[in-house]
Amino acid sequence: ATASSTQDGQTDDKTEFKLKFCTVCASNQNRSMEGHLRLSEANF
């Protein structure tokens, strides 16, 4: 996750955390790839 660093060097870990996802269908062609694309567009 990307966290912001303040001027005193402390890290604010509350920003930009994202869970990591895996999408699965039978042939990795239609449903899993639509999910893959949409999740990537949502910055996951």
PDB file of all heavy atoms in Angstrom:
ATOM      1  N   ALA A   1       0.837  -1.187   0.000  1.00  0.00           N
ATOM      2  CA  ALA A   1       0.000   0.000   0.000  1.00  0.00           C
ATOM      3  C   ALA A   1       0.873   1.237   0.000  1.00  0.00           C
ATOM      4  O   ALA A   1       1.966   1.258   0.543  1.00  0.00           O
ATOM      5  CB  ALA A   1      -0.901   0.007   1.240  1.00  0.00           C
ATOM      6  N   THR A   2       0.353   2.271  -0.594  1.00  0.00           N
ATOM      7  CA  THR A   2       1.067   3.527  -0.592  1.00  0.00           C
ATOM      8  C   THR A   2       0.614   4.351   0.597  1.00  0.00           C
ATOM      9  O   THR A   2      -0.563   4.577   0.792  1.00  0.00           O
ATOM     10  CB  THR A   2       0.795   4.308  -1.889  1.00  0.00           C
ATOM     11  OG1 THR A   2       1.232   3.515  -2.980  1.00  0.00           O
ATOM     12  CG2 THR A   2       1.542   5.627  -1.887  1.00  0.00           C
ATOM     13  N   ALA A   3       1.564   4.780   1.397  1.00  0.00           N
ATOM     14  CA  ALA A   3       1.243   5.592   2.563  1.00  0.00           C
ATOM     15  C   ALA A   3       1.965   6.917   2.445  1.00  0.00           C
ATOM     16  O   ALA A   3       3.015   7.019   1.814  1.00  0.00           O
ATOM     17  CB  ALA A   3       1.665   4.873   3.844  1.00  0.00           C
ATOM     18  N   SER A   4       1.420   7.950   3.045  1.00  0.00           N
ATOM     19  CA  SER A   4       2.042   9.257   2.962  1.00  0.00           C
ATOM     20  C   SER A   4       2.975   9.489   4.134  1.00  0.00           C
ATOM     21  O   SER A   4       2.700   9.066   5.245  1.00  0.00           O
ATOM     22  CB  SER A   4       0.963  10.346   2.918  1.00  0.00           C
ATOM     23  OG  SER A   4       0.128  10.257   4.044  1.00  0.00           O
ATOM     24  N   SER A   5       4.083  10.159   3.880  1.00  0.00           N
ATOM     25  CA  SER A   5       5.074  10.445   4.915  1.00  0.00           C
ATOM     26  C   SER A   5       4.990  11.910   5.295  1.00  0.00           C
ATOM     27  O   SER A   5       5.049  12.781   4.432  1.00  0.00           O
ATOM     28  CB  SER A   5       6.474  10.108   4.400  1.00  0.00           C
ATOM     29  OG  SER A   5       7.444  10.392   5.367  1.00  0.00           O
ATOM     30  N   THR A   6       4.839  12.177   6.566  1.00  0.00           N
ATOM     31  CA  THR A   6       4.733  13.545   7.042  1.00  0.00           C
ATOM     32  C   THR A   6       6.109  14.172   7.139  1.00  0.00           C
ATOM     33  O   THR A   6       7.141  13.507   6.995  1.00  0.00           O
ATOM     34  CB  THR A   6       4.039  13.583   8.418  1.00  0.00           C
ATOM     35  OG1 THR A   6       4.807  12.817   9.341  1.00  0.00           O
ATOM     36  CG2 THR A   6       2.651  12.980   8.326  1.00  0.00           C
ATOM     37  N   GLN A   7       6.151  15.489   7.443  1.00  0.00           N
ATOM     38  CA  GLN A   7       7.419  16.212   7.471  1.00  0.00           C
ATOM     39  C   GLN A   7       8.352  15.711   8.567  1.00  0.00           C
ATOM     40  O   GLN A   7       9.571  15.806   8.445  1.00  0.00           O
ATOM     41  CB  GLN A   7       7.142  17.703   7.658  1.00  0.00           C
ATOM     42  CG  GLN A   7       6.522  18.362   6.423  1.00  0.00           C
ATOM     43  CD  GLN A   7       6.320  19.849   6.610  1.00  0.00           C
ATOM     44  OE1 GLN A   7       6.366  20.352   7.729  1.00  0.00           O
ATOM     45  NE2 GLN A   7       6.095  20.559   5.525  1.00  0.00           N
ATOM     46  N   ASP A   8       7.785  15.136   9.633  1.00  0.00           N
ATOM     47  CA  ASP A   8       8.651  14.637  10.712  1.00  0.00           C
ATOM     48  C   ASP A   8       9.086  13.200  10.482  1.00  0.00           C
ATOM     49  O   ASP A   8       9.664  12.563  11.342  1.00  0.00           O
ATOM     50  CB  ASP A   8       7.950  14.764  12.068  1.00  0.00           C
ATOM     51  CG  ASP A   8       6.659  13.959  12.145  1.00  0.00           C
ATOM     52  OD1 ASP A   8       6.323  13.281  11.143  1.00  0.00           O
ATOM     53  OD2 ASP A   8       5.999  14.004  13.203  1.00  0.00           O
ATOM     54  N   GLY A   9       8.740  12.668   9.286  1.00  0.00           N
ATOM     55  CA  GLY A   9       9.215  11.332   8.935  1.00  0.00           C
ATOM     56  C   GLY A   9       8.278  10.216   9.346  1.00  0.00           C
ATOM     57  O   GLY A   9       8.513   9.052   9.024  1.00  0.00           O
ATOM     58  N   GLN A  10       7.193  10.546  10.045  1.00  0.00           N
ATOM     59  CA  GLN A  10       6.238   9.517  10.447  1.00  0.00           C
ATOM     60  C   GLN A  10       5.367   9.140   9.253  1.00  0.00           C
ATOM     61  O   GLN A  10       5.070   9.970   8.389  1.00  0.00           O
ATOM     62  CB  GLN A  10       5.363  10.016  11.602  1.00  0.00           C
ATOM     63  CG  GLN A  10       6.143  10.310  12.877  1.00  0.00           C
ATOM     64  CD  GLN A  10       6.851   9.065  13.381  1.00  0.00           C
ATOM     65  OE1 GLN A  10       6.234   8.027  13.580  1.00  0.00           O
ATOM     66  NE2 GLN A  10       8.157   9.179  13.604  1.00  0.00           N
ATOM     67  N   THR A  11       4.940   7.885   9.211  1.00  0.00           N
ATOM     68  CA  THR A  11       4.147   7.403   8.091  1.00  0.00           C
ATOM     69  C   THR A  11       2.681   7.305   8.460  1.00  0.00           C
ATOM     70  O   THR A  11       2.334   6.770   9.502  1.00  0.00           O
ATOM     71  CB  THR A  11       4.647   6.009   7.638  1.00  0.00           C
ATOM     72  OG1 THR A  11       5.994   6.130   7.224  1.00  0.00           O
ATOM     73  CG2 THR A  11       3.820   5.478   6.479  1.00  0.00           C
ATOM     74  N   ASP A  12       1.833   7.835   7.600  1.00  0.00           N
ATOM     75  CA  ASP A  12       0.392   7.726   7.779  1.00  0.00           C
ATOM     76  C   ASP A  12      -0.094   6.521   6.989  1.00  0.00           C
ATOM     77  O   ASP A  12      -0.277   6.585   5.780  1.00  0.00           O
ATOM     78  CB  ASP A  12      -0.295   8.993   7.267  1.00  0.00           C
ATOM     79  CG  ASP A  12      -1.816   8.911   7.370  1.00  0.00           C
ATOM     80  OD1 ASP A  12      -2.301   7.941   7.961  1.00  0.00           O
ATOM     81  OD2 ASP A  12      -2.485   9.829   6.862  1.00  0.00           O
ATOM     82  N   ASP A  13      -0.288   5.375   7.675  1.00  0.00           N
ATOM     83  CA  ASP A  13      -0.636   4.130   7.004  1.00  0.00           C
ATOM     84  C   ASP A  13      -2.134   3.999   6.739  1.00  0.00           C
ATOM     85  O   ASP A  13      -2.603   2.948   6.330  1.00  0.00           O
ATOM     86  CB  ASP A  13      -0.169   2.935   7.848  1.00  0.00           C
ATOM     87  CG  ASP A  13       1.337   2.784   7.846  1.00  0.00           C
ATOM     88  OD1 ASP A  13       1.895   2.756   6.749  1.00  0.00           O
ATOM     89  OD2 ASP A  13       1.925   2.703   8.931  1.00  0.00           O
ATOM     90  N   LYS A  14      -2.900   5.056   7.004  1.00  0.00           N
ATOM     91  CA  LYS A  14      -4.346   4.971   6.838  1.00  0.00           C
ATOM     92  C   LYS A  14      -4.781   5.235   5.402  1.00  0.00           C
ATOM     93  O   LYS A  14      -5.950   5.096   5.081  1.00  0.00           O
ATOM     94  CB  LYS A  14      -5.033   5.970   7.783  1.00  0.00           C
ATOM     95  CG  LYS A  14      -4.811   5.659   9.260  1.00  0.00           C
ATOM     96  CD  LYS A  14      -5.539   6.663  10.140  1.00  0.00           C
ATOM     97  CE  LYS A  14      -5.312   6.364  11.614  1.00  0.00           C
ATOM     98  NZ  LYS A  14      -6.017   7.326  12.488  1.00  0.00           N
ATOM     99  N   THR A  15      -3.853   5.638   4.549  1.00  0.00           N
ATOM    100  CA  THR A  15      -4.233   6.020   3.196  1.00  0.00           C
ATOM    101  C   THR A  15      -3.873   4.935   2.183  1.00  0.00           C
ATOM    102  O   THR A  15      -2.853   4.263   2.279  1.00  0.00           O
ATOM    103  CB  THR A  15      -3.523   7.322   2.790  1.00  0.00           C
ATOM    104  OG1 THR A  15      -2.107   7.104   2.825  1.00  0.00           O
ATOM    105  CG2 THR A  15      -3.884   8.450   3.740  1.00  0.00           C
ATOM    106  N   GLU A  16      -4.764   4.777   1.207  1.00  0.00           N
ATOM    107  CA  GLU A  16      -4.484   4.016   0.002  1.00  0.00           C
ATOM    108  C   GLU A  16      -4.263   2.520   0.182  1.00  0.00           C
ATOM    109  O   GLU A  16      -3.729   1.886  -0.714  1.00  0.00           O
ATOM    110  CB  GLU A  16      -3.271   4.612  -0.747  1.00  0.00           C
ATOM    111  CG  GLU A  16      -3.482   6.040  -1.231  1.00  0.00           C
ATOM    112  CD  GLU A  16      -4.646   6.188  -2.172  1.00  0.00           C
ATOM    113  OE1 GLU A  16      -4.876   5.280  -2.986  1.00  0.00           O
ATOM    114  OE2 GLU A  16      -5.365   7.191  -2.070  1.00  0.00           O
ATOM    115  N   PHE A  17      -4.630   1.931   1.311  1.00  0.00           N
ATOM    116  CA  PHE A  17      -4.484   0.494   1.435  1.00  0.00           C
ATOM    117  C   PHE A  17      -5.478  -0.200   0.510  1.00  0.00           C
ATOM    118  O   PHE A  17      -6.639   0.203   0.413  1.00  0.00           O
ATOM    119  CB  PHE A  17      -4.734   0.026   2.868  1.00  0.00           C
ATOM    120  CG  PHE A  17      -4.778  -1.476   2.997  1.00  0.00           C
ATOM    121  CD1 PHE A  17      -3.615  -2.221   3.001  1.00  0.00           C
ATOM    122  CD2 PHE A  17      -5.990  -2.150   3.071  1.00  0.00           C
ATOM    123  CE1 PHE A  17      -3.643  -3.597   3.094  1.00  0.00           C
ATOM    124  CE2 PHE A  17      -6.038  -3.534   3.162  1.00  0.00           C
ATOM    125  CZ  PHE A  17      -4.855  -4.260   3.177  1.00  0.00           C
ATOM    126  N   LYS A  18      -5.025  -1.251  -0.165  1.00  0.00           N
ATOM    127  CA  LYS A  18      -5.893  -2.021  -1.048  1.00  0.00           C
ATOM    128  C   LYS A  18      -5.701  -3.519  -0.812  1.00  0.00           C
ATOM    129  O   LYS A  18      -4.558  -4.011  -0.818  1.00  0.00           O
ATOM    130  CB  LYS A  18      -5.578  -1.714  -2.519  1.00  0.00           C
ATOM    131  CG  LYS A  18      -5.928  -0.305  -2.963  1.00  0.00           C
ATOM    132  CD  LYS A  18      -7.429  -0.104  -3.103  1.00  0.00           C
ATOM    133  CE  LYS A  18      -7.747   1.244  -3.705  1.00  0.00           C
ATOM    134  NZ  LYS A  18      -9.204   1.447  -3.895  1.00  0.00           N
ATOM    135  N   LEU A  19      -6.792  -4.217  -0.608  1.00  0.00           N
ATOM    136  CA  LEU A  19      -6.738  -5.675  -0.585  1.00  0.00           C
ATOM    137  C   LEU A  19      -6.310  -6.187  -1.953  1.00  0.00           C
ATOM    138  O   LEU A  19      -6.533  -5.537  -2.977  1.00  0.00           O
ATOM    139  CB  LEU A  19      -8.111  -6.253  -0.243  1.00  0.00           C
ATOM    140  CG  LEU A  19      -8.618  -6.088   1.191  1.00  0.00           C
ATOM    141  CD1 LEU A  19     -10.102  -6.468   1.268  1.00  0.00           C
ATOM    142  CD2 LEU A  19      -7.802  -6.950   2.156  1.00  0.00           C
ATOM    143  N   LYS A  20      -5.708  -7.373  -1.964  1.00  0.00           N
ATOM    144  CA  LYS A  20      -5.252  -7.986  -3.209  1.00  0.00           C
ATOM    145  C   LYS A  20      -6.259  -9.057  -3.630  1.00  0.00           C
ATOM    146  O   LYS A  20      -6.644  -9.913  -2.835  1.00  0.00           O
ATOM    147  CB  LYS A  20      -3.866  -8.601  -3.020  1.00  0.00           C
ATOM    148  CG  LYS A  20      -2.807  -7.586  -2.608  1.00  0.00           C
ATOM    149  CD  LYS A  20      -1.498  -8.282  -2.284  1.00  0.00           C
ATOM    150  CE  LYS A  20      -0.418  -7.281  -1.924  1.00  0.00           C
ATOM    151  NZ  LYS A  20      -0.740  -6.518  -0.700  1.00  0.00           N
ATOM    152  N   PHE A  21      -6.654  -9.030  -4.891  1.00  0.00           N
ATOM    153  CA  PHE A  21      -7.712  -9.903  -5.377  1.00  0.00           C
ATOM    154  C   PHE A  21      -7.227 -10.875  -6.451  1.00  0.00           C
ATOM    155  O   PHE A  21      -6.246 -10.619  -7.155  1.00  0.00           O
ATOM    156  CB  PHE A  21      -8.874  -9.078  -5.945  1.00  0.00           C
ATOM    157  CG  PHE A  21      -9.698  -8.403  -4.885  1.00  0.00           C
ATOM    158  CD1 PHE A  21      -9.315  -7.168  -4.377  1.00  0.00           C
ATOM    159  CD2 PHE A  21     -10.831  -9.014  -4.385  1.00  0.00           C
ATOM    160  CE1 PHE A  21     -10.057  -6.543  -3.390  1.00  0.00           C
ATOM    161  CE2 PHE A  21     -11.584  -8.405  -3.393  1.00  0.00           C
ATOM    162  CZ  PHE A  21     -11.206  -7.161  -2.897  1.00  0.00           C
ATOM    163  N   CYS A  22      -7.956 -11.969  -6.561  1.00  0.00           N
ATOM    164  CA  CYS A  22      -7.745 -12.953  -7.623  1.00  0.00           C
ATOM    165  C   CYS A  22      -9.112 -13.367  -8.136  1.00  0.00           C
ATOM    166  O   CYS A  22      -9.987 -13.727  -7.341  1.00  0.00           O
ATOM    167  CB  CYS A  22      -6.985 -14.160  -7.083  1.00  0.00           C
ATOM    168  SG  CYS A  22      -6.871 -15.542  -8.250  1.00  0.00           S
ATOM    169  N   THR A  23      -9.340 -13.280  -9.442  1.00  0.00           N
ATOM    170  CA  THR A  23     -10.610 -13.709 -10.029  1.00  0.00           C
ATOM    171  C   THR A  23     -10.390 -15.004 -10.810  1.00  0.00           C
ATOM    172  O   THR A  23      -9.350 -15.191 -11.447  1.00  0.00           O
ATOM    173  CB  THR A  23     -11.186 -12.629 -10.954  1.00  0.00           C
ATOM    174  OG1 THR A  23     -10.233 -12.304 -11.975  1.00  0.00           O
ATOM    175  CG2 THR A  23     -11.530 -11.375 -10.165  1.00  0.00           C
ATOM    176  N   VAL A  24     -11.394 -15.876 -10.760  1.00  0.00           N
ATOM    177  CA  VAL A  24     -11.242 -17.218 -11.330  1.00  0.00           C
ATOM    178  C   VAL A  24     -12.520 -17.642 -12.051  1.00  0.00           C
ATOM    179  O   VAL A  24     -13.621 -17.507 -11.508  1.00  0.00           O
ATOM    180  CB  VAL A  24     -10.931 -18.259 -10.230  1.00  0.00           C
ATOM    181  CG1 VAL A  24     -10.726 -19.645 -10.843  1.00  0.00           C
ATOM    182  CG2 VAL A  24      -9.707 -17.850  -9.420  1.00  0.00           C
ATOM    183  N   CYS A  25     -12.388 -18.147 -13.264  1.00  0.00           N
ATOM    184  CA  CYS A  25     -13.488 -18.832 -13.951  1.00  0.00           C
ATOM    185  C   CYS A  25     -12.907 -20.088 -14.596  1.00  0.00           C
ATOM    186  O   CYS A  25     -11.827 -20.536 -14.213  1.00  0.00           O
ATOM    187  CB  CYS A  25     -14.182 -17.917 -14.961  1.00  0.00           C
ATOM    188  SG  CYS A  25     -13.187 -17.415 -16.386  1.00  0.00           S
ATOM    189  N   ALA A  26     -13.601 -20.680 -15.539  1.00  0.00           N
ATOM    190  CA  ALA A  26     -13.142 -21.956 -16.090  1.00  0.00           C
ATOM    191  C   ALA A  26     -11.948 -21.798 -17.032  1.00  0.00           C
ATOM    192  O   ALA A  26     -10.967 -22.544 -16.945  1.00  0.00           O
ATOM    193  CB  ALA A  26     -14.295 -22.655 -16.819  1.00  0.00           C
ATOM    194  N   SER A  27     -12.020 -20.814 -17.942  1.00  0.00           N
ATOM    195  CA  SER A  27     -10.996 -20.696 -18.978  1.00  0.00           C
ATOM    196  C   SER A  27     -10.201 -19.399 -18.935  1.00  0.00           C
ATOM    197  O   SER A  27      -9.391 -19.151 -19.826  1.00  0.00           O
ATOM    198  CB  SER A  27     -11.633 -20.843 -20.372  1.00  0.00           C
ATOM    199  OG  SER A  27     -12.046 -22.169 -20.606  1.00  0.00           O
ATOM    200  N   ASN A  28     -10.430 -18.561 -17.902  1.00  0.00           N
ATOM    201  CA  ASN A  28      -9.731 -17.285 -17.781  1.00  0.00           C
ATOM    202  C   ASN A  28      -9.908 -16.451 -19.049  1.00  0.00           C
ATOM    203  O   ASN A  28      -8.962 -15.881 -19.586  1.00  0.00           O
ATOM    204  CB  ASN A  28      -8.246 -17.514 -17.506  1.00  0.00           C
ATOM    205  CG  ASN A  28      -7.516 -16.293 -16.936  1.00  0.00           C
ATOM    206  OD1 ASN A  28      -6.293 -16.220 -16.982  1.00  0.00           O
ATOM    207  ND2 ASN A  28      -8.245 -15.327 -16.404  1.00  0.00           N
ATOM    208  N   GLN A  29     -11.177 -16.402 -19.497  1.00  0.00           N
ATOM    209  CA  GLN A  29     -11.471 -15.683 -20.728  1.00  0.00           C
ATOM    210  C   GLN A  29     -12.550 -14.620 -20.555  1.00  0.00           C
ATOM    211  O   GLN A  29     -12.342 -13.472 -20.916  1.00  0.00           O
ATOM    212  CB  GLN A  29     -11.933 -16.677 -21.822  1.00  0.00           C
ATOM    213  CG  GLN A  29     -10.861 -17.586 -22.346  1.00  0.00           C
ATOM    214  CD  GLN A  29      -9.923 -16.889 -23.322  1.00  0.00           C
ATOM    215  OE1 GLN A  29     -10.161 -15.779 -23.764  1.00  0.00           O
ATOM    216  NE2 GLN A  29      -8.820 -17.549 -23.654  1.00  0.00           N
ATOM    217  N   ASN A  30     -13.692 -15.002 -19.980  1.00  0.00           N
ATOM    218  CA  ASN A  30     -14.820 -14.083 -19.961  1.00  0.00           C
ATOM    219  C   ASN A  30     -15.056 -13.459 -18.588  1.00  0.00           C
ATOM    220  O   ASN A  30     -14.710 -12.314 -18.332  1.00  0.00           O
ATOM    221  CB  ASN A  30     -16.081 -14.811 -20.454  1.00  0.00           C
ATOM    222  CG  ASN A  30     -17.289 -13.889 -20.552  1.00  0.00           C
ATOM    223  OD1 ASN A  30     -17.151 -12.695 -20.794  1.00  0.00           O
ATOM    224  ND2 ASN A  30     -18.471 -14.441 -20.356  1.00  0.00           N
ATOM    225  N   ARG A  31     -15.605 -14.238 -17.656  1.00  0.00           N
ATOM    226  CA  ARG A  31     -16.018 -13.675 -16.371  1.00  0.00           C
ATOM    227  C   ARG A  31     -14.841 -13.247 -15.505  1.00  0.00           C
ATOM    228  O   ARG A  31     -14.852 -12.147 -14.938  1.00  0.00           O
ATOM    229  CB  ARG A  31     -16.896 -14.699 -15.635  1.00  0.00           C
ATOM    230  CG  ARG A  31     -18.191 -15.008 -16.364  1.00  0.00           C
ATOM    231  CD  ARG A  31     -18.813 -16.313 -15.908  1.00  0.00           C
ATOM    232  NE  ARG A  31     -17.985 -17.461 -16.253  1.00  0.00           N
ATOM    233  CZ  ARG A  31     -18.271 -18.712 -15.913  1.00  0.00           C
ATOM    234  NH1 ARG A  31     -19.358 -18.964 -15.197  1.00  0.00           N
ATOM    235  NH2 ARG A  31     -17.480 -19.701 -16.281  1.00  0.00           N
ATOM    236  N   SER A  32     -13.827 -14.083 -15.400  1.00  0.00           N
ATOM    237  CA  SER A  32     -12.667 -13.704 -14.570  1.00  0.00           C
ATOM    238  C   SER A  32     -11.927 -12.518 -15.166  1.00  0.00           C
ATOM    239  O   SER A  32     -11.385 -11.673 -14.445  1.00  0.00           O
ATOM    240  CB  SER A  32     -11.714 -14.895 -14.396  1.00  0.00           C
ATOM    241  OG  SER A  32     -11.153 -15.283 -15.637  1.00  0.00           O
ATOM    242  N   MET A  33     -11.922 -12.423 -16.498  1.00  0.00           N
ATOM    243  CA  MET A  33     -11.199 -11.315 -17.136  1.00  0.00           C
ATOM    244  C   MET A  33     -11.983 -10.014 -17.059  1.00  0.00           C
ATOM    245  O   MET A  33     -11.392  -8.936 -16.962  1.00  0.00           O
ATOM    246  CB  MET A  33     -10.872 -11.673 -18.588  1.00  0.00           C
ATOM    247  CG  MET A  33      -9.761 -12.707 -18.706  1.00  0.00           C
ATOM    248  SD  MET A  33      -8.197 -12.118 -17.984  1.00  0.00           S
ATOM    249  CE  MET A  33      -7.693 -10.917 -19.214  1.00  0.00           C
ATOM    250  N   GLU A  34     -13.308 -10.093 -17.083  1.00  0.00           N
ATOM    251  CA  GLU A  34     -14.113  -8.889 -16.863  1.00  0.00           C
ATOM    252  C   GLU A  34     -13.884  -8.386 -15.436  1.00  0.00           C
ATOM    253  O   GLU A  34     -13.697  -7.183 -15.205  1.00  0.00           O
ATOM    254  CB  GLU A  34     -15.593  -9.193 -17.087  1.00  0.00           C
ATOM    255  CG  GLU A  34     -16.516  -8.002 -16.866  1.00  0.00           C
ATOM    256  CD  GLU A  34     -16.387  -6.923 -17.922  1.00  0.00           C
ATOM    257  OE1 GLU A  34     -15.905  -7.212 -19.038  1.00  0.00           O
ATOM    258  OE2 GLU A  34     -16.783  -5.764 -17.648  1.00  0.00           O
ATOM    259  N   GLY A  35     -13.883  -9.324 -14.475  1.00  0.00           N
ATOM    260  CA  GLY A  35     -13.605  -8.956 -13.098  1.00  0.00           C
ATOM    261  C   GLY A  35     -12.207  -8.390 -12.933  1.00  0.00           C
ATOM    262  O   GLY A  35     -11.999  -7.406 -12.217  1.00  0.00           O
ATOM    263  N   HIS A  36     -11.238  -9.019 -13.581  1.00  0.00           N
ATOM    264  CA  HIS A  36      -9.840  -8.552 -13.535  1.00  0.00           C
ATOM    265  C   HIS A  36      -9.757  -7.110 -14.031  1.00  0.00           C
ATOM    266  O   HIS A  36      -9.160  -6.240 -13.383  1.00  0.00           O
ATOM    267  CB  HIS A  36      -8.985  -9.480 -14.395  1.00  0.00           C
ATOM    268  CG  HIS A  36      -7.516  -9.200 -14.331  1.00  0.00           C
ATOM    269  ND1 HIS A  36      -6.573 -10.207 -14.370  1.00  0.00           N
ATOM    270  CD2 HIS A  36      -6.800  -8.042 -14.272  1.00  0.00           C
ATOM    271  CE1 HIS A  36      -5.356  -9.677 -14.315  1.00  0.00           C
ATOM    272  NE2 HIS A  36      -5.478  -8.361 -14.259  1.00  0.00           N
ATOM    273  N   LEU A  37     -10.353  -6.851 -15.180  1.00  0.00           N
ATOM    274  CA  LEU A  37     -10.292  -5.516 -15.766  1.00  0.00           C
ATOM    275  C   LEU A  37     -10.950  -4.483 -14.855  1.00  0.00           C
ATOM    276  O   LEU A  37     -10.377  -3.416 -14.589  1.00  0.00           O
ATOM    277  CB  LEU A  37     -10.969  -5.505 -17.137  1.00  0.00           C
ATOM    278  CG  LEU A  37     -11.078  -4.133 -17.814  1.00  0.00           C
ATOM    279  CD1 LEU A  37      -9.706  -3.546 -18.072  1.00  0.00           C
ATOM    280  CD2 LEU A  37     -11.879  -4.244 -19.104  1.00  0.00           C
ATOM    281  N   ARG A  38     -12.157  -4.799 -14.373  1.00  0.00           N
ATOM    282  CA  ARG A  38     -12.887  -3.827 -13.545  1.00  0.00           C
ATOM    283  C   ARG A  38     -12.175  -3.555 -12.225  1.00  0.00           C
ATOM    284  O   ARG A  38     -12.133  -2.420 -11.748  1.00  0.00           O
ATOM    285  CB  ARG A  38     -14.307  -4.316 -13.293  1.00  0.00           C
ATOM    286  CG  ARG A  38     -15.150  -4.467 -14.552  1.00  0.00           C
ATOM    287  CD  ARG A  38     -15.165  -3.211 -15.378  1.00  0.00           C
ATOM    288  NE  ARG A  38     -15.713  -3.439 -16.718  1.00  0.00           N
ATOM    289  CZ  ARG A  38     -15.553  -2.633 -17.744  1.00  0.00           C
ATOM    290  NH1 ARG A  38     -14.826  -1.524 -17.603  1.00  0.00           N
ATOM    291  NH2 ARG A  38     -16.089  -2.904 -18.917  1.00  0.00           N
ATOM    292  N   LEU A  39     -11.616  -4.577 -11.614  1.00  0.00           N
ATOM    293  CA  LEU A  39     -10.874  -4.377 -10.368  1.00  0.00           C
ATOM    294  C   LEU A  39      -9.622  -3.542 -10.605  1.00  0.00           C
ATOM    295  O   LEU A  39      -9.275  -2.669  -9.801  1.00  0.00           O
ATOM    296  CB  LEU A  39     -10.510  -5.719  -9.745  1.00  0.00           C
ATOM    297  CG  LEU A  39     -11.655  -6.475  -9.073  1.00  0.00           C
ATOM    298  CD1 LEU A  39     -11.237  -7.906  -8.754  1.00  0.00           C
ATOM    299  CD2 LEU A  39     -12.117  -5.762  -7.795  1.00  0.00           C
ATOM    300  N   SER A  40      -8.936  -3.791 -11.711  1.00  0.00           N
ATOM    301  CA  SER A  40      -7.729  -3.010 -12.007  1.00  0.00           C
ATOM    302  C   SER A  40      -8.094  -1.552 -12.264  1.00  0.00           C
ATOM    303  O   SER A  40      -7.366  -0.643 -11.863  1.00  0.00           O
ATOM    304  CB  SER A  40      -6.985  -3.595 -13.212  1.00  0.00           C
ATOM    305  OG  SER A  40      -7.696  -3.409 -14.426  1.00  0.00           O
ATOM    306  N   GLU A  41      -9.234  -1.317 -12.912  1.00  0.00           N
ATOM    307  CA  GLU A  41      -9.673   0.051 -13.166  1.00  0.00           C
ATOM    308  C   GLU A  41     -10.051   0.762 -11.868  1.00  0.00           C
ATOM    309  O   GLU A  41      -9.998   1.996 -11.794  1.00  0.00           O
ATOM    310  CB  GLU A  41     -10.855   0.051 -14.133  1.00  0.00           C
ATOM    311  CG  GLU A  41     -10.480  -0.340 -15.560  1.00  0.00           C
ATOM    312  CD  GLU A  41     -11.670  -0.413 -16.490  1.00  0.00           C
ATOM    313  OE1 GLU A  41     -12.807  -0.579 -16.005  1.00  0.00           O
ATOM    314  OE2 GLU A  41     -11.459  -0.316 -17.712  1.00  0.00           O
ATOM    315  N   ALA A  42     -10.442  -0.029 -10.852  1.00  0.00           N
ATOM    316  CA  ALA A  42     -10.750   0.531  -9.537  1.00  0.00           C
ATOM    317  C   ALA A  42      -9.499   0.602  -8.653  1.00  0.00           C
ATOM    318  O   ALA A  42      -9.600   0.835  -7.446  1.00  0.00           O
ATOM    319  CB  ALA A  42     -11.826  -0.308  -8.858  1.00  0.00           C
ATOM    320  N   ASN A  43      -8.334   0.363  -9.263  1.00  0.00           N
ATOM    321  CA  ASN A  43      -7.025   0.476  -8.593  1.00  0.00           C
ATOM    322  C   ASN A  43      -6.784  -0.600  -7.537  1.00  0.00           C
ATOM    323  O   ASN A  43      -6.041  -0.385  -6.577  1.00  0.00           O
ATOM    324  CB  ASN A  43      -6.855   1.869  -7.969  1.00  0.00           C
ATOM    325  CG  ASN A  43      -6.846   2.965  -9.016  1.00  0.00           C
ATOM    326  OD1 ASN A  43      -6.215   2.842 -10.062  1.00  0.00           O
ATOM    327  ND2 ASN A  43      -7.579   4.046  -8.745  1.00  0.00           N
ATOM    328  N   PHE A  44      -7.396  -1.766  -7.722  1.00  0.00           N
ATOM    329  CA  PHE A  44      -7.092  -2.896  -6.849  1.00  0.00           C
ATOM    330  C   PHE A  44      -6.001  -3.755  -7.490  1.00  0.00           C
ATOM    331  O   PHE A  44      -6.034  -4.012  -8.697  1.00  0.00           O
ATOM    332  CB  PHE A  44      -8.329  -3.775  -6.626  1.00  0.00           C
ATOM    333  CG  PHE A  44      -9.320  -3.194  -5.665  1.00  0.00           C
ATOM    334  CD1 PHE A  44     -10.481  -2.597  -6.129  1.00  0.00           C
ATOM    335  CD2 PHE A  44      -9.098  -3.245  -4.296  1.00  0.00           C
ATOM    336  CE1 PHE A  44     -11.405  -2.059  -5.245  1.00  0.00           C
ATOM    337  CE2 PHE A  44     -10.010  -2.706  -3.406  1.00  0.00           C
ATOM    338  CZ  PHE A  44     -11.164  -2.104  -3.878  1.00  0.00           C
TER     339      PHE A  44
END
